[in-house]
Amino acid sequence: MDIVYLLVPLSVVLAFIIGGVFWWAVRRGQFEDLEGPAHRIIMDDDRPEQ
């Protein structure tokens, strides 16, 4: 039962850290263009340079 007194606050702190990292990523624009990188892979020019 004593371990609960350690694990519950630890999980709350971890949840706040994960939420903070997610909030930081949203504010920095990390999720703005979700389709761009996928289209760039398809549109890659595979011709050799001369």
N, C-alpha and C. Protein backbone atom coordinates (compact mmCIF):
# COMPACT_ATOMS: atom_id res chain seq x y z
N MET A 1 0.82 -1.19 0.00
CA MET A 1 0.00 0.00 0.00
C MET A 1 0.86 1.26 0.00
N ASP A 2 2.07 1.18 0.52
CA ASP A 2 2.93 2.35 0.56
C ASP A 2 3.38 2.79 -0.82
N ILE A 3 3.45 1.85 -1.75
CA ILE A 3 3.90 2.19 -3.09
C ILE A 3 2.91 3.09 -3.79
N VAL A 4 1.63 3.02 -3.41
CA VAL A 4 0.61 3.87 -4.02
C VAL A 4 0.92 5.34 -3.75
N TYR A 5 1.44 5.64 -2.57
CA TYR A 5 1.78 7.02 -2.22
C TYR A 5 2.91 7.57 -3.09
N LEU A 6 3.67 6.70 -3.70
CA LEU A 6 4.72 7.11 -4.63
C LEU A 6 4.22 7.13 -6.07
N LEU A 7 3.47 6.11 -6.46
CA LEU A 7 3.08 5.97 -7.85
C LEU A 7 2.02 6.97 -8.30
N VAL A 8 1.08 7.31 -7.44
CA VAL A 8 0.03 8.25 -7.83
C VAL A 8 0.60 9.64 -8.10
N PRO A 9 1.38 10.23 -7.21
CA PRO A 9 1.97 11.53 -7.55
C PRO A 9 2.93 11.46 -8.74
N LEU A 10 3.65 10.38 -8.86
CA LEU A 10 4.55 10.22 -9.99
C LEU A 10 3.79 10.18 -11.31
N SER A 11 2.67 9.50 -11.35
CA SER A 11 1.86 9.45 -12.57
C SER A 11 1.23 10.80 -12.88
N VAL A 12 0.85 11.55 -11.87
CA VAL A 12 0.29 12.89 -12.10
C VAL A 12 1.36 13.82 -12.67
N VAL A 13 2.56 13.76 -12.11
CA VAL A 13 3.66 14.58 -12.63
C VAL A 13 3.98 14.19 -14.07
N LEU A 14 4.01 12.91 -14.36
CA LEU A 14 4.28 12.44 -15.71
C LEU A 14 3.20 12.90 -16.68
N ALA A 15 1.94 12.87 -16.26
CA ALA A 15 0.85 13.34 -17.11
C ALA A 15 0.99 14.83 -17.41
N PHE A 16 1.39 15.63 -16.42
CA PHE A 16 1.59 17.06 -16.64
C PHE A 16 2.77 17.31 -17.59
N ILE A 17 3.81 16.53 -17.48
CA ILE A 17 4.96 16.68 -18.37
C ILE A 17 4.56 16.34 -19.81
N ILE A 18 3.84 15.25 -19.99
CA ILE A 18 3.39 14.87 -21.33
C ILE A 18 2.45 15.93 -21.89
N GLY A 19 1.53 16.43 -21.08
CA GLY A 19 0.63 17.49 -21.52
C GLY A 19 1.38 18.76 -21.88
N GLY A 20 2.41 19.10 -21.10
CA GLY A 20 3.21 20.28 -21.40
C GLY A 20 3.98 20.15 -22.70
N VAL A 21 4.54 18.99 -22.95
CA VAL A 21 5.27 18.76 -24.21
C VAL A 21 4.30 18.82 -25.39
N PHE A 22 3.12 18.25 -25.23
CA PHE A 22 2.12 18.32 -26.30
C PHE A 22 1.69 19.76 -26.54
N TRP A 23 1.43 20.51 -25.49
CA TRP A 23 1.02 21.91 -25.62
C TRP A 23 2.13 22.73 -26.30
N TRP A 24 3.38 22.48 -25.92
CA TRP A 24 4.51 23.17 -26.54
C TRP A 24 4.55 22.87 -28.04
N ALA A 25 4.35 21.61 -28.41
CA ALA A 25 4.39 21.22 -29.83
C ALA A 25 3.26 21.88 -30.61
N VAL A 26 2.10 21.98 -30.02
CA VAL A 26 0.98 22.63 -30.69
C VAL A 26 1.26 24.12 -30.87
N ARG A 27 1.79 24.76 -29.86
CA ARG A 27 2.07 26.20 -29.92
C ARG A 27 3.20 26.52 -30.90
N ARG A 28 4.14 25.59 -31.09
CA ARG A 28 5.26 25.81 -32.00
C ARG A 28 4.91 25.45 -33.44
N GLY A 29 3.70 24.95 -33.70
CA GLY A 29 3.26 24.66 -35.06
C GLY A 29 3.71 23.32 -35.59
N GLN A 30 3.98 22.36 -34.74
CA GLN A 30 4.45 21.06 -35.20
C GLN A 30 3.38 20.27 -35.92
N PHE A 31 2.11 20.61 -35.71
CA PHE A 31 1.01 19.84 -36.30
C PHE A 31 0.29 20.64 -37.38
N GLU A 32 0.92 21.65 -37.94
CA GLU A 32 0.27 22.50 -38.92
C GLU A 32 0.09 21.80 -40.27
N ASP A 33 1.12 21.18 -40.78
CA ASP A 33 1.07 20.57 -42.11
C ASP A 33 1.27 19.07 -41.98
N LEU A 34 0.16 18.35 -41.87
CA LEU A 34 0.27 16.89 -41.68
C LEU A 34 0.40 16.14 -43.00
N GLU A 35 0.00 16.74 -44.11
CA GLU A 35 0.04 16.05 -45.40
C GLU A 35 1.26 16.42 -46.24
N GLY A 36 1.91 17.51 -45.95
CA GLY A 36 3.03 17.97 -46.75
C GLY A 36 4.17 16.98 -46.84
N PRO A 37 4.67 16.44 -45.72
CA PRO A 37 5.78 15.48 -45.82
C PRO A 37 5.41 14.22 -46.61
N ALA A 38 4.16 13.77 -46.52
CA ALA A 38 3.75 12.59 -47.28
C ALA A 38 3.75 12.88 -48.77
N HIS A 39 3.33 14.06 -49.15
CA HIS A 39 3.33 14.41 -50.58
C HIS A 39 4.75 14.62 -51.10
N ARG A 40 5.63 15.13 -50.26
CA ARG A 40 7.02 15.33 -50.70
C ARG A 40 7.72 14.01 -50.99
N ILE A 41 7.37 12.95 -50.26
CA ILE A 41 7.97 11.64 -50.52
C ILE A 41 7.51 11.12 -51.87
N ILE A 42 6.24 11.29 -52.19
CA ILE A 42 5.70 10.82 -53.47
C ILE A 42 6.27 11.63 -54.63
N MET A 43 6.42 12.92 -54.46
CA MET A 43 6.88 13.81 -55.52
C MET A 43 8.40 13.88 -55.63
N ASP A 44 9.11 13.00 -54.96
CA ASP A 44 10.57 13.00 -55.00
C ASP A 44 11.07 12.71 -56.41
N ASP A 45 12.04 13.47 -56.85
CA ASP A 45 12.60 13.30 -58.18
C ASP A 45 13.74 12.28 -58.11
N ASP A 46 13.53 11.12 -58.72
CA ASP A 46 14.50 10.04 -58.66
C ASP A 46 15.45 10.02 -59.84
N ARG A 47 15.36 11.01 -60.72
CA ARG A 47 16.27 11.02 -61.88
C ARG A 47 17.69 11.34 -61.42
N PRO A 48 18.67 10.67 -61.98
CA PRO A 48 20.07 10.97 -61.60
C PRO A 48 20.48 12.34 -62.11
N GLU A 49 21.32 13.01 -61.37
CA GLU A 49 21.82 14.32 -61.78
C GLU A 49 22.88 14.14 -62.85
N GLN A 50 22.97 15.12 -63.75
CA GLN A 50 23.95 15.03 -64.85
C GLN A 50 25.07 15.98 -64.64
